[in-house]
PDB file of N, CA and C in Angstrom:
ATOM      1  N   MET A   1     149.282  11.769  88.226  1.00  0.00           N
ATOM      2  CA  MET A   1     149.667  12.530  87.059  1.00  0.00           C
ATOM      3  C   MET A   1     149.263  11.792  85.776  1.00  0.00           C
ATOM      4  N   LYS A   2     149.562  10.470  85.746  1.00  0.00           N
ATOM      5  CA  LYS A   2     149.214   9.694  84.561  1.00  0.00           C
ATOM      6  C   LYS A   2     147.704   9.649  84.364  1.00  0.00           C
ATOM      7  N   LYS A   3     146.980   9.569  85.479  1.00  0.00           N
ATOM      8  CA  LYS A   3     145.518   9.515  85.406  1.00  0.00           C
ATOM      9  C   LYS A   3     144.961  10.825  84.844  1.00  0.00           C
ATOM     10  N   THR A   4     145.541  11.951  85.222  1.00  0.00           N
ATOM     11  CA  THR A   4     145.101  13.257  84.719  1.00  0.00           C
ATOM     12  C   THR A   4     145.375  13.379  83.223  1.00  0.00           C
ATOM     13  N   LEU A   5     146.566  12.997  82.785  1.00  0.00           N
ATOM     14  CA  LEU A   5     146.898  13.047  81.361  1.00  0.00           C
ATOM     15  C   LEU A   5     145.991  12.125  80.552  1.00  0.00           C
ATOM     16  N   PHE A   6     145.734  10.939  81.094  1.00  0.00           N
ATOM     17  CA  PHE A   6     144.837  10.012  80.405  1.00  0.00           C
ATOM     18  C   PHE A   6     143.433  10.606  80.292  1.00  0.00           C
ATOM     19  N   SER A   7     142.959  11.235  81.357  1.00  0.00           N
ATOM     20  CA  SER A   7     141.622  11.850  81.339  1.00  0.00           C
ATOM     21  C   SER A   7     141.543  12.973  80.312  1.00  0.00           C
ATOM     22  N   ILE A   8     142.571  13.802  80.247  1.00  0.00           N
ATOM     23  CA  ILE A   8     142.593  14.899  79.267  1.00  0.00           C
ATOM     24  C   ILE A   8     142.606  14.340  77.852  1.00  0.00           C
ATOM     25  N   ALA A   9     143.451  13.336  77.610  1.00  0.00           N
ATOM     26  CA  ALA A   9     143.517  12.735  76.275  1.00  0.00           C
ATOM     27  C   ALA A   9     142.184  12.098  75.898  1.00  0.00           C
ATOM     28  N   LEU A  10     141.541  11.430  76.842  1.00  0.00           N
ATOM     29  CA  LEU A  10     140.249  10.799  76.581  1.00  0.00           C
ATOM     30  C   LEU A  10     139.192  11.845  76.248  1.00  0.00           C
ATOM     31  N   LEU A  11     139.167  12.939  76.994  1.00  0.00           N
ATOM     32  CA  LEU A  11     138.210  14.017  76.708  1.00  0.00           C
ATOM     33  C   LEU A  11     138.447  14.629  75.331  1.00  0.00           C
ATOM     34  N   MET A  12     139.715  14.787  74.947  1.00  0.00           N
ATOM     35  CA  MET A  12     140.020  15.339  73.624  1.00  0.00           C
ATOM     36  C   MET A  12     139.523  14.408  72.523  1.00  0.00           C
ATOM     37  N   VAL A  13     139.748  13.107  72.677  1.00  0.00           N
ATOM     38  CA  VAL A  13     139.303  12.140  71.667  1.00  0.00           C
ATOM     39  C   VAL A  13     137.786  12.121  71.576  1.00  0.00           C
ATOM     40  N   ILE A  14     137.105  12.160  72.706  1.00  0.00           N
ATOM     41  CA  ILE A  14     135.637  12.150  72.705  1.00  0.00           C
ATOM     42  C   ILE A  14     135.092  13.412  72.060  1.00  0.00           C
ATOM     43  N   SER A  15     135.646  14.575  72.416  1.00  0.00           N
ATOM     44  CA  SER A  15     135.136  15.821  71.832  1.00  0.00           C
ATOM     45  C   SER A  15     135.438  15.890  70.345  1.00  0.00           C
ATOM     46  N   TRP A  16     136.557  15.353  69.911  1.00  0.00           N
ATOM     47  CA  TRP A  16     136.891  15.352  68.487  1.00  0.00           C
ATOM     48  C   TRP A  16     135.938  14.446  67.710  1.00  0.00           C
ATOM     49  N   GLY A  17     135.611  13.288  68.262  1.00  0.00           N
ATOM     50  CA  GLY A  17     134.739  12.336  67.583  1.00  0.00           C
ATOM     51  C   GLY A  17     133.280  12.729  67.593  1.00  0.00           C
ATOM     52  N   CYS A  18     132.862  13.533  68.556  1.00  0.00           N
ATOM     53  CA  CYS A  18     131.454  13.907  68.681  1.00  0.00           C
ATOM     54  C   CYS A  18     131.146  15.252  68.049  1.00  0.00           C
ATOM     55  N   GLY A  19     132.109  15.861  67.395  1.00  0.00           N
ATOM     56  CA  GLY A  19     131.882  17.173  66.787  1.00  0.00           C
ATOM     57  C   GLY A  19     130.825  17.093  65.701  1.00  0.00           C
ATOM     58  N   LYS A  20     130.027  18.141  65.584  1.00  0.00           N
ATOM     59  CA  LYS A  20     128.984  18.187  64.559  1.00  0.00           C
ATOM     60  C   LYS A  20     129.638  18.363  63.198  1.00  0.00           C
ATOM     61  N   LYS A  21     129.276  17.499  62.268  1.00  0.00           N
ATOM     62  CA  LYS A  21     129.839  17.575  60.930  1.00  0.00           C
ATOM     63  C   LYS A  21     129.021  18.549  60.083  1.00  0.00           C
ATOM     64  N   PRO A  22     129.680  19.525  59.426  1.00  0.00           N
ATOM     65  CA  PRO A  22     128.938  20.479  58.610  1.00  0.00           C
ATOM     66  C   PRO A  22     128.372  19.814  57.360  1.00  0.00           C
ATOM     67  N   GLN A  23     127.209  20.271  56.945  1.00  0.00           N
ATOM     68  CA  GLN A  23     126.599  19.768  55.727  1.00  0.00           C
ATOM     69  C   GLN A  23     127.293  20.398  54.525  1.00  0.00           C
ATOM     70  N   PRO A  24     127.582  19.627  53.483  1.00  0.00           N
ATOM     71  CA  PRO A  24     128.220  20.213  52.314  1.00  0.00           C
ATOM     72  C   PRO A  24     127.290  21.216  51.647  1.00  0.00           C
ATOM     73  N   SER A  25     127.858  22.299  51.207  1.00  0.00           N
ATOM     74  CA  SER A  25     127.069  23.305  50.512  1.00  0.00           C
ATOM     75  C   SER A  25     127.931  23.967  49.460  1.00  0.00           C
ATOM     76  N   VAL A  26     127.282  24.589  48.524  1.00  0.00           N
ATOM     77  CA  VAL A  26     127.982  25.314  47.476  1.00  0.00           C
ATOM     78  C   VAL A  26     127.632  26.772  47.637  1.00  0.00           C
ATOM     79  N   GLU A  27     128.633  27.585  47.895  1.00  0.00           N
ATOM     80  CA  GLU A  27     128.413  29.016  48.030  1.00  0.00           C
ATOM     81  C   GLU A  27     129.574  29.727  47.360  1.00  0.00           C
ATOM     82  N   ILE A  28     129.268  30.682  46.524  1.00  0.00           N
ATOM     83  CA  ILE A  28     130.295  31.413  45.802  1.00  0.00           C
ATOM     84  C   ILE A  28     130.352  32.820  46.354  1.00  0.00           C
ATOM     85  N   LYS A  29     131.527  33.259  46.743  1.00  0.00           N
ATOM     86  CA  LYS A  29     131.681  34.605  47.263  1.00  0.00           C
ATOM     87  C   LYS A  29     132.104  35.517  46.117  1.00  0.00           C
ATOM     88  N   ALA A  30     131.269  36.485  45.797  1.00  0.00           N
ATOM     89  CA  ALA A  30     131.539  37.394  44.688  1.00  0.00           C
ATOM     90  C   ALA A  30     132.775  38.230  44.977  1.00  0.00           C
ATOM     91  N   GLY A  31     133.560  38.481  43.930  1.00  0.00           N
ATOM     92  CA  GLY A  31     134.708  39.360  44.043  1.00  0.00           C
ATOM     93  C   GLY A  31     135.972  38.692  44.547  1.00  0.00           C
ATOM     94  N   LYS A  32     135.964  37.413  44.788  1.00  0.00           N
ATOM     95  CA  LYS A  32     137.145  36.728  45.289  1.00  0.00           C
ATOM     96  C   LYS A  32     137.900  36.113  44.122  1.00  0.00           C
ATOM     97  N   THR A  33     138.789  36.872  43.509  1.00  0.00           N
ATOM     98  CA  THR A  33     139.526  36.366  42.358  1.00  0.00           C
ATOM     99  C   THR A  33     140.660  35.443  42.760  1.00  0.00           C
ATOM    100  N   ASP A  34     141.078  35.474  44.048  1.00  0.00           N
ATOM    101  CA  ASP A  34     142.191  34.632  44.458  1.00  0.00           C
ATOM    102  C   ASP A  34     141.823  33.158  44.503  1.00  0.00           C
ATOM    103  N   SER A  35     140.551  32.798  44.394  1.00  0.00           N
ATOM    104  CA  SER A  35     140.170  31.393  44.451  1.00  0.00           C
ATOM    105  C   SER A  35     140.099  30.748  43.068  1.00  0.00           C
ATOM    106  N   LEU A  36     140.486  31.482  42.026  1.00  0.00           N
ATOM    107  CA  LEU A  36     140.481  30.891  40.691  1.00  0.00           C
ATOM    108  C   LEU A  36     141.554  29.822  40.603  1.00  0.00           C
ATOM    109  N   ALA A  37     141.293  28.817  39.821  1.00  0.00           N
ATOM    110  CA  ALA A  37     142.211  27.690  39.761  1.00  0.00           C
ATOM    111  C   ALA A  37     143.388  27.939  38.829  1.00  0.00           C
ATOM    112  N   MET A  38     143.254  28.821  37.874  1.00  0.00           N
ATOM    113  CA  MET A  38     144.316  29.068  36.902  1.00  0.00           C
ATOM    114  C   MET A  38     144.615  30.558  36.840  1.00  0.00           C
ATOM    115  N   ASP A  39     145.809  30.888  36.383  1.00  0.00           N
ATOM    116  CA  ASP A  39     146.080  32.296  36.149  1.00  0.00           C
ATOM    117  C   ASP A  39     145.451  32.701  34.816  1.00  0.00           C
ATOM    118  N   LEU A  40     145.644  33.938  34.385  1.00  0.00           N
ATOM    119  CA  LEU A  40     144.975  34.426  33.177  1.00  0.00           C
ATOM    120  C   LEU A  40     145.410  33.693  31.917  1.00  0.00           C
ATOM    121  N   THR A  41     146.609  33.138  31.896  1.00  0.00           N
ATOM    122  CA  THR A  41     147.048  32.397  30.715  1.00  0.00           C
ATOM    123  C   THR A  41     146.469  30.993  30.692  1.00  0.00           C
ATOM    124  N   GLY A  42     145.953  30.530  31.813  1.00  0.00           N
ATOM    125  CA  GLY A  42     145.367  29.195  31.881  1.00  0.00           C
ATOM    126  C   GLY A  42     146.395  28.095  32.004  1.00  0.00           C
ATOM    127  N   SER A  43     147.660  28.451  32.281  1.00  0.00           N
ATOM    128  CA  SER A  43     148.689  27.425  32.282  1.00  0.00           C
ATOM    129  C   SER A  43     149.144  27.001  33.671  1.00  0.00           C
ATOM    130  N   LYS A  44     149.313  27.949  34.588  1.00  0.00           N
ATOM    131  CA  LYS A  44     149.852  27.603  35.897  1.00  0.00           C
ATOM    132  C   LYS A  44     148.764  27.629  36.955  1.00  0.00           C
ATOM    133  N   PRO A  45     148.762  26.679  37.873  1.00  0.00           N
ATOM    134  CA  PRO A  45     147.808  26.751  38.979  1.00  0.00           C
ATOM    135  C   PRO A  45     148.155  27.920  39.892  1.00  0.00           C
ATOM    136  N   SER A  46     147.157  28.587  40.406  1.00  0.00           N
ATOM    137  CA  SER A  46     147.384  29.687  41.342  1.00  0.00           C
ATOM    138  C   SER A  46     147.666  29.116  42.723  1.00  0.00           C
ATOM    139  N   PRO A  47     148.250  29.927  43.631  1.00  0.00           N
ATOM    140  CA  PRO A  47     148.485  29.436  44.992  1.00  0.00           C
ATOM    141  C   PRO A  47     147.196  29.001  45.690  1.00  0.00           C
ATOM    142  N   ALA A  48     146.062  29.621  45.356  1.00  0.00           N
ATOM    143  CA  ALA A  48     144.797  29.264  46.002  1.00  0.00           C
ATOM    144  C   ALA A  48     144.389  27.834  45.683  1.00  0.00           C
ATOM    145  N   SER A  49     144.718  27.343  44.483  1.00  0.00           N
ATOM    146  CA  SER A  49     144.329  25.977  44.134  1.00  0.00           C
ATOM    147  C   SER A  49     145.195  24.949  44.849  1.00  0.00           C
ATOM    148  N   MET A  50     146.306  25.388  45.424  1.00  0.00           N
ATOM    149  CA  MET A  50     147.192  24.490  46.151  1.00  0.00           C
ATOM    150  C   MET A  50     146.857  24.448  47.645  1.00  0.00           C
ATOM    151  N   MET A  51     146.062  25.399  48.138  1.00  0.00           N
ATOM    152  CA  MET A  51     145.747  25.466  49.561  1.00  0.00           C
ATOM    153  C   MET A  51     144.817  24.320  49.950  1.00  0.00           C
ATOM    154  N   PRO A  52     144.959  23.801  51.179  1.00  0.00           N
ATOM    155  CA  PRO A  52     144.043  22.742  51.620  1.00  0.00           C
ATOM    156  C   PRO A  52     142.624  23.275  51.737  1.00  0.00           C
ATOM    157  N   LEU A  53     141.659  22.396  51.543  1.00  0.00           N
ATOM    158  CA  LEU A  53     140.254  22.790  51.586  1.00  0.00           C
ATOM    159  C   LEU A  53     139.681  22.593  52.981  1.00  0.00           C
ATOM    160  N   ALA A  54     138.772  23.469  53.344  1.00  0.00           N
ATOM    161  CA  ALA A  54     138.088  23.365  54.633  1.00  0.00           C
ATOM    162  C   ALA A  54     137.166  22.146  54.618  1.00  0.00           C
ATOM    163  N   PRO A  55     136.898  21.569  55.779  1.00  0.00           N
ATOM    164  CA  PRO A  55     135.974  20.431  55.836  1.00  0.00           C
ATOM    165  C   PRO A  55     134.607  20.788  55.266  1.00  0.00           C
ATOM    166  N   GLY A  56     134.017  19.867  54.525  1.00  0.00           N
ATOM    167  CA  GLY A  56     132.679  20.068  53.975  1.00  0.00           C
ATOM    168  C   GLY A  56     132.640  20.956  52.755  1.00  0.00           C
ATOM    169  N   THR A  57     133.801  21.233  52.126  1.00  0.00           N
ATOM    170  CA  THR A  57     133.826  22.095  50.943  1.00  0.00           C
ATOM    171  C   THR A  57     134.451  21.361  49.767  1.00  0.00           C
ATOM    172  N   CYS A  58     134.265  21.935  48.594  1.00  0.00           N
ATOM    173  CA  CYS A  58     134.793  21.362  47.362  1.00  0.00           C
ATOM    174  C   CYS A  58     135.208  22.511  46.456  1.00  0.00           C
ATOM    175  N   ARG A  59     136.309  22.358  45.722  1.00  0.00           N
ATOM    176  CA  ARG A  59     136.763  23.383  44.781  1.00  0.00           C
ATOM    177  C   ARG A  59     136.601  22.831  43.366  1.00  0.00           C
ATOM    178  N   VAL A  60     135.885  23.575  42.525  1.00  0.00           N
ATOM    179  CA  VAL A  60     135.622  23.136  41.157  1.00  0.00           C
ATOM    180  C   VAL A  60     135.917  24.266  40.182  1.00  0.00           C
ATOM    181  N   ILE A  61     136.099  23.899  38.930  1.00  0.00           N
ATOM    182  CA  ILE A  61     136.097  24.855  37.826  1.00  0.00           C
ATOM    183  C   ILE A  61     134.774  24.638  37.121  1.00  0.00           C
ATOM    184  N   GLY A  62     134.013  25.706  36.947  1.00  0.00           N
ATOM    185  CA  GLY A  62     132.691  25.579  36.347  1.00  0.00           C
ATOM    186  C   GLY A  62     132.329  26.774  35.498  1.00  0.00           C
ATOM    187  N   VAL A  63     131.241  26.628  34.766  1.00  0.00           N
ATOM    188  CA  VAL A  63     130.717  27.666  33.884  1.00  0.00           C
ATOM    189  C   VAL A  63     129.285  27.955  34.306  1.00  0.00           C
ATOM    190  N   VAL A  64     128.928  29.236  34.336  1.00  0.00           N
ATOM    191  CA  VAL A  64     127.553  29.605  34.669  1.00  0.00           C
ATOM    192  C   VAL A  64     126.654  29.159  33.521  1.00  0.00           C
ATOM    193  N   ALA A  65     125.744  28.231  33.815  1.00  0.00           N
ATOM    194  CA  ALA A  65     124.835  27.709  32.798  1.00  0.00           C
ATOM    195  C   ALA A  65     123.564  28.538  32.700  1.00  0.00           C
ATOM    196  N   GLY A  66     123.217  29.238  33.767  1.00  0.00           N
ATOM    197  CA  GLY A  66     122.016  30.069  33.764  1.00  0.00           C
ATOM    198  C   GLY A  66     121.866  30.784  35.090  1.00  0.00           C
ATOM    199  N   VAL A  67     121.189  31.928  35.076  1.00  0.00           N
ATOM    200  CA  VAL A  67     120.957  32.717  36.283  1.00  0.00           C
ATOM    201  C   VAL A  67     119.457  32.853  36.483  1.00  0.00           C
ATOM    202  N   GLU A  68     118.987  32.520  37.702  1.00  0.00           N
ATOM    203  CA  GLU A  68     117.568  32.716  38.013  1.00  0.00           C
ATOM    204  C   GLU A  68     117.314  34.209  38.152  1.00  0.00           C
ATOM    205  N   GLN A  69     116.272  34.707  37.523  1.00  0.00           N
ATOM    206  CA  GLN A  69     115.988  36.138  37.542  1.00  0.00           C
ATOM    207  C   GLN A  69     115.158  36.569  38.749  1.00  0.00           C
ATOM    208  N   GLU A  70     114.767  35.623  39.594  1.00  0.00           N
ATOM    209  CA  GLU A  70     113.940  35.925  40.757  1.00  0.00           C
ATOM    210  C   GLU A  70     114.747  36.676  41.815  1.00  0.00           C
ATOM    211  N   LEU A  71     114.170  37.772  42.341  1.00  0.00           N
ATOM    212  CA  LEU A  71     114.807  38.568  43.382  1.00  0.00           C
ATOM    213  C   LEU A  71     114.226  38.208  44.742  1.00  0.00           C
ATOM    214  N   ASP A  72     114.938  38.566  45.803  1.00  0.00           N
ATOM    215  CA  ASP A  72     114.484  38.326  47.171  1.00  0.00           C
ATOM    216  C   ASP A  72     113.490  39.416  47.550  1.00  0.00           C
ATOM    217  N   ASP A  73     112.188  39.094  47.473  1.00  0.00           N
ATOM    218  CA  ASP A  73     111.147  40.077  47.780  1.00  0.00           C
ATOM    219  C   ASP A  73     111.063  40.377  49.272  1.00  0.00           C
ATOM    220  N   ALA A  74     111.503  39.455  50.116  1.00  0.00           N
ATOM    221  CA  ALA A  74     111.422  39.660  51.559  1.00  0.00           C
ATOM    222  C   ALA A  74     112.399  40.745  52.034  1.00  0.00           C
ATOM    223  N   ASN A  75     113.517  40.899  51.339  1.00  0.00           N
ATOM    224  CA  ASN A  75     114.535  41.899  51.693  1.00  0.00           C
ATOM    225  C   ASN A  75     114.903  42.713  50.456  1.00  0.00           C
ATOM    226  N   PRO A  76     114.072  43.658  50.043  1.00  0.00           N
ATOM    227  CA  PRO A  76     114.333  44.393  48.805  1.00  0.00           C
ATOM    228  C   PRO A  76     115.590  45.256  48.842  1.00  0.00           C
ATOM    229  N   ASN A  77     116.111  45.592  50.028  1.00  0.00           N
ATOM    230  CA  ASN A  77     117.318  46.415  50.118  1.00  0.00           C
ATOM    231  C   ASN A  77     118.601  45.592  50.186  1.00  0.00           C
ATOM    232  N   SER A  78     118.472  44.270  50.279  1.00  0.00           N
ATOM    233  CA  SER A  78     119.651  43.409  50.330  1.00  0.00           C
ATOM    234  C   SER A  78     120.221  43.242  48.918  1.00  0.00           C
ATOM    235  N   PRO A  79     121.468  42.787  48.802  1.00  0.00           N
ATOM    236  CA  PRO A  79     122.034  42.562  47.466  1.00  0.00           C
ATOM    237  C   PRO A  79     121.192  41.601  46.626  1.00  0.00           C
ATOM    238  N   CYS A  80     120.617  40.563  47.262  1.00  0.00           N
ATOM    239  CA  CYS A  80     119.784  39.607  46.522  1.00  0.00           C
ATOM    240  C   CYS A  80     118.404  40.180  46.209  1.00  0.00           C
ATOM    241  N   GLY A  81     118.032  41.282  46.838  1.00  0.00           N
ATOM    242  CA  GLY A  81     116.795  41.974  46.509  1.00  0.00           C
ATOM    243  C   GLY A  81     116.977  42.912  45.331  1.00  0.00           C
ATOM    244  N   LYS A  82     118.236  43.242  45.019  1.00  0.00           N
ATOM    245  CA  LYS A  82     118.542  44.164  43.921  1.00  0.00           C
ATOM    246  C   LYS A  82     119.046  43.446  42.671  1.00  0.00           C
ATOM    247  N   ALA A  83     119.640  42.272  42.845  1.00  0.00           N
ATOM    248  CA  ALA A  83     120.180  41.508  41.713  1.00  0.00           C
ATOM    249  C   ALA A  83     120.011  40.017  42.008  1.00  0.00           C
ATOM    250  N   PRO A  84     119.892  39.192  40.978  1.00  0.00           N
ATOM    251  CA  PRO A  84     119.737  37.749  41.193  1.00  0.00           C
ATOM    252  C   PRO A  84     120.950  37.153  41.909  1.00  0.00           C
ATOM    253  N   CYS A  85     120.707  36.237  42.816  1.00  0.00           N
ATOM    254  CA  CYS A  85     121.779  35.598  43.592  1.00  0.00           C
ATOM    255  C   CYS A  85     121.849  34.089  43.384  1.00  0.00           C
ATOM    256  N   ARG A  86     120.981  33.532  42.596  1.00  0.00           N
ATOM    257  CA  ARG A  86     120.975  32.081  42.371  1.00  0.00           C
ATOM    258  C   ARG A  86     121.288  31.794  40.907  1.00  0.00           C
ATOM    259  N   ALA A  87     122.069  30.715  40.715  1.00  0.00           N
ATOM    260  CA  ALA A  87     122.463  30.346  39.359  1.00  0.00           C
ATOM    261  C   ALA A  87     122.669  28.840  39.274  1.00  0.00           C
ATOM    262  N   ALA A  88     122.789  28.360  38.057  1.00  0.00           N
ATOM    263  CA  ALA A  88     123.143  26.964  37.795  1.00  0.00           C
ATOM    264  C   ALA A  88     124.566  26.960  37.248  1.00  0.00           C
ATOM    265  N   ILE A  89     125.428  26.147  37.838  1.00  0.00           N
ATOM    266  CA  ILE A  89     126.827  26.058  37.436  1.00  0.00           C
ATOM    267  C   ILE A  89     127.086  24.666  36.872  1.00  0.00           C
ATOM    268  N   LYS A  90     127.637  24.604  35.658  1.00  0.00           N
ATOM    269  CA  LYS A  90     128.021  23.320  35.065  1.00  0.00           C
ATOM    270  C   LYS A  90     129.481  23.064  35.422  1.00  0.00           C
ATOM    271  N   ILE A  91     129.739  21.937  36.062  1.00  0.00           N
ATOM    272  CA  ILE A  91     131.082  21.602  36.528  1.00  0.00           C
ATOM    273  C   ILE A  91     131.921  21.107  35.358  1.00  0.00           C
ATOM    274  N   GLU A  92     133.085  21.758  35.171  1.00  0.00           N
ATOM    275  CA  GLU A  92     134.025  21.309  34.147  1.00  0.00           C
ATOM    276  C   GLU A  92     135.055  20.342  34.729  1.00  0.00           C
ATOM    277  N   SER A  93     135.542  20.649  35.931  1.00  0.00           N
ATOM    278  CA  SER A  93     136.465  19.728  36.598  1.00  0.00           C
ATOM    279  C   SER A  93     136.420  19.963  38.104  1.00  0.00           C
ATOM    280  N   ILE A  94     136.782  18.940  38.849  1.00  0.00           N
ATOM    281  CA  ILE A  94     136.827  19.009  40.305  1.00  0.00           C
ATOM    282  C   ILE A  94     138.295  19.051  40.710  1.00  0.00           C
ATOM    283  N   LEU A  95     138.684  20.129  41.400  1.00  0.00           N
ATOM    284  CA  LEU A  95     140.081  20.309  41.794  1.00  0.00           C
ATOM    285  C   LEU A  95     140.397  19.640  43.120  1.00  0.00           C
ATOM    286  N   GLY A  96     139.403  19.519  43.985  1.00  0.00           N
ATOM    287  CA  GLY A  96     139.644  18.885  45.275  1.00  0.00           C
ATOM    288  C   GLY A  96     138.404  18.890  46.135  1.00  0.00           C
ATOM    289  N   ARG A  97     138.403  18.018  47.129  1.00  0.00           N
ATOM    290  CA  ARG A  97     137.301  17.919  48.086  1.00  0.00           C
ATOM    291  C   ARG A  97     137.891  17.945  49.483  1.00  0.00           C
ATOM    292  N   GLY A  98     137.257  18.731  50.362  1.00  0.00           N
ATOM    293  CA  GLY A  98     137.678  18.780  51.758  1.00  0.00           C
ATOM    294  C   GLY A  98     137.192  17.554  52.509  1.00  0.00           C
ATOM    295  N   ARG A  99     137.743  17.371  53.692  1.00  0.00           N
ATOM    296  CA  ARG A  99     137.334  16.263  54.550  1.00  0.00           C
ATOM    297  C   ARG A  99     135.837  16.369  54.824  1.00  0.00           C
ATOM    298  N   ASP A 100     135.154  15.272  54.864  1.00  0.00           N
ATOM    299  CA  ASP A 100     133.712  15.194  55.156  1.00  0.00           C
ATOM    300  C   ASP A 100     132.842  15.814  54.077  1.00  0.00           C
ATOM    301  N   PHE A 101     133.352  15.988  52.858  1.00  0.00           N
ATOM    302  CA  PHE A 101     132.492  16.476  51.773  1.00  0.00           C
ATOM    303  C   PHE A 101     131.779  15.267  51.200  1.00  0.00           C
ATOM    304  N   ASN A 102     130.462  15.187  51.411  1.00  0.00           N
ATOM    305  CA  ASN A 102     129.708  13.977  51.090  1.00  0.00           C
ATOM    306  C   ASN A 102     128.909  14.062  49.803  1.00  0.00           C
ATOM    307  N   ALA A 103     128.792  15.233  49.200  1.00  0.00           N
ATOM    308  CA  ALA A 103     127.972  15.364  47.994  1.00  0.00           C
ATOM    309  C   ALA A 103     128.613  14.585  46.847  1.00  0.00           C
ATOM    310  N   LEU A 104     127.786  13.891  46.101  1.00  0.00           N
ATOM    311  CA  LEU A 104     128.282  13.108  44.976  1.00  0.00           C
ATOM    312  C   LEU A 104     127.934  13.809  43.671  1.00  0.00           C
ATOM    313  N   PHE A 105     128.919  14.363  43.032  1.00  0.00           N
ATOM    314  CA  PHE A 105     128.756  14.912  41.696  1.00  0.00           C
ATOM    315  C   PHE A 105     130.092  14.799  40.985  1.00  0.00           C
ATOM    316  N   GLU A 106     130.050  14.938  39.680  1.00  0.00           N
ATOM    317  CA  GLU A 106     131.262  14.789  38.881  1.00  0.00           C
ATOM    318  C   GLU A 106     131.244  15.784  37.734  1.00  0.00           C
ATOM    319  N   SER A 107     132.292  15.793  36.945  1.00  0.00           N
ATOM    320  CA  SER A 107     132.385  16.697  35.802  1.00  0.00           C
ATOM    321  C   SER A 107     131.197  16.482  34.878  1.00  0.00           C
ATOM    322  N   GLY A 108     130.619  17.591  34.413  1.00  0.00           N
ATOM    323  CA  GLY A 108     129.458  17.528  33.538  1.00  0.00           C
ATOM    324  C   GLY A 108     128.145  17.731  34.264  1.00  0.00           C
ATOM    325  N   ASP A 109     128.122  17.546  35.591  1.00  0.00           N
ATOM    326  CA  ASP A 109     126.900  17.777  36.373  1.00  0.00           C
ATOM    327  C   ASP A 109     126.632  19.273  36.502  1.00  0.00           C
ATOM    328  N   THR A 110     125.378  19.621  36.761  1.00  0.00           N
ATOM    329  CA  THR A 110     124.987  21.013  36.973  1.00  0.00           C
ATOM    330  C   THR A 110     124.501  21.165  38.407  1.00  0.00           C
ATOM    331  N   LEU A 111     125.008  22.194  39.097  1.00  0.00           N
ATOM    332  CA  LEU A 111     124.649  22.456  40.487  1.00  0.00           C
ATOM    333  C   LEU A 111     123.897  23.768  40.605  1.00  0.00           C
ATOM    334  N   ALA A 112     122.941  23.819  41.520  1.00  0.00           N
ATOM    335  CA  ALA A 112     122.274  25.077  41.862  1.00  0.00           C
ATOM    336  C   ALA A 112     123.101  25.730  42.962  1.00  0.00           C
ATOM    337  N   VAL A 113     123.496  26.984  42.773  1.00  0.00           N
ATOM    338  CA  VAL A 113     124.336  27.685  43.743  1.00  0.00           C
ATOM    339  C   VAL A 113     123.696  29.003  44.152  1.00  0.00           C
ATOM    340  N   HIS A 114     124.153  29.509  45.298  1.00  0.00           N
ATOM    341  CA  HIS A 114     123.705  30.809  45.809  1.00  0.00           C
ATOM    342  C   HIS A 114     124.941  31.684  45.969  1.00  0.00           C
ATOM    343  N   PHE A 115     124.983  32.812  45.278  1.00  0.00           N
ATOM    344  CA  PHE A 115     126.094  33.744  45.388  1.00  0.00           C
ATOM    345  C   PHE A 115     125.911  34.571  46.649  1.00  0.00           C
ATOM    346  N   ALA A 116     126.959  34.684  47.461  1.00  0.00           N
ATOM    347  CA  ALA A 116     126.865  35.447  48.712  1.00  0.00           C
ATOM    348  C   ALA A 116     127.503  36.808  48.545  1.00  0.00           C
TER     349      ALA A 116
END
């Protein structure tokens, strides 16, 4: 019995340690107002800013610095074929980083993002 429990525990530790780590990426989902860091008055944090972050993600407050006007010619009927989906975001503040988020940037940096 002890040998079986030890084997199960060992397999769990090995599978946990060998898991593929996701690459950090920046993706903004359009229409998701619940992920804003502040309410409309700008005074109280919203419940979304208090939620834990998924591994490989980061939550920031930023301003759109510019939008690329290039459309996706390969898929003209897709949303990115009808409207621009890439932009530059200037980071105003970093609210949190999830586990395994390896990208190094700070307030004032500009990131290239893809709106999904």
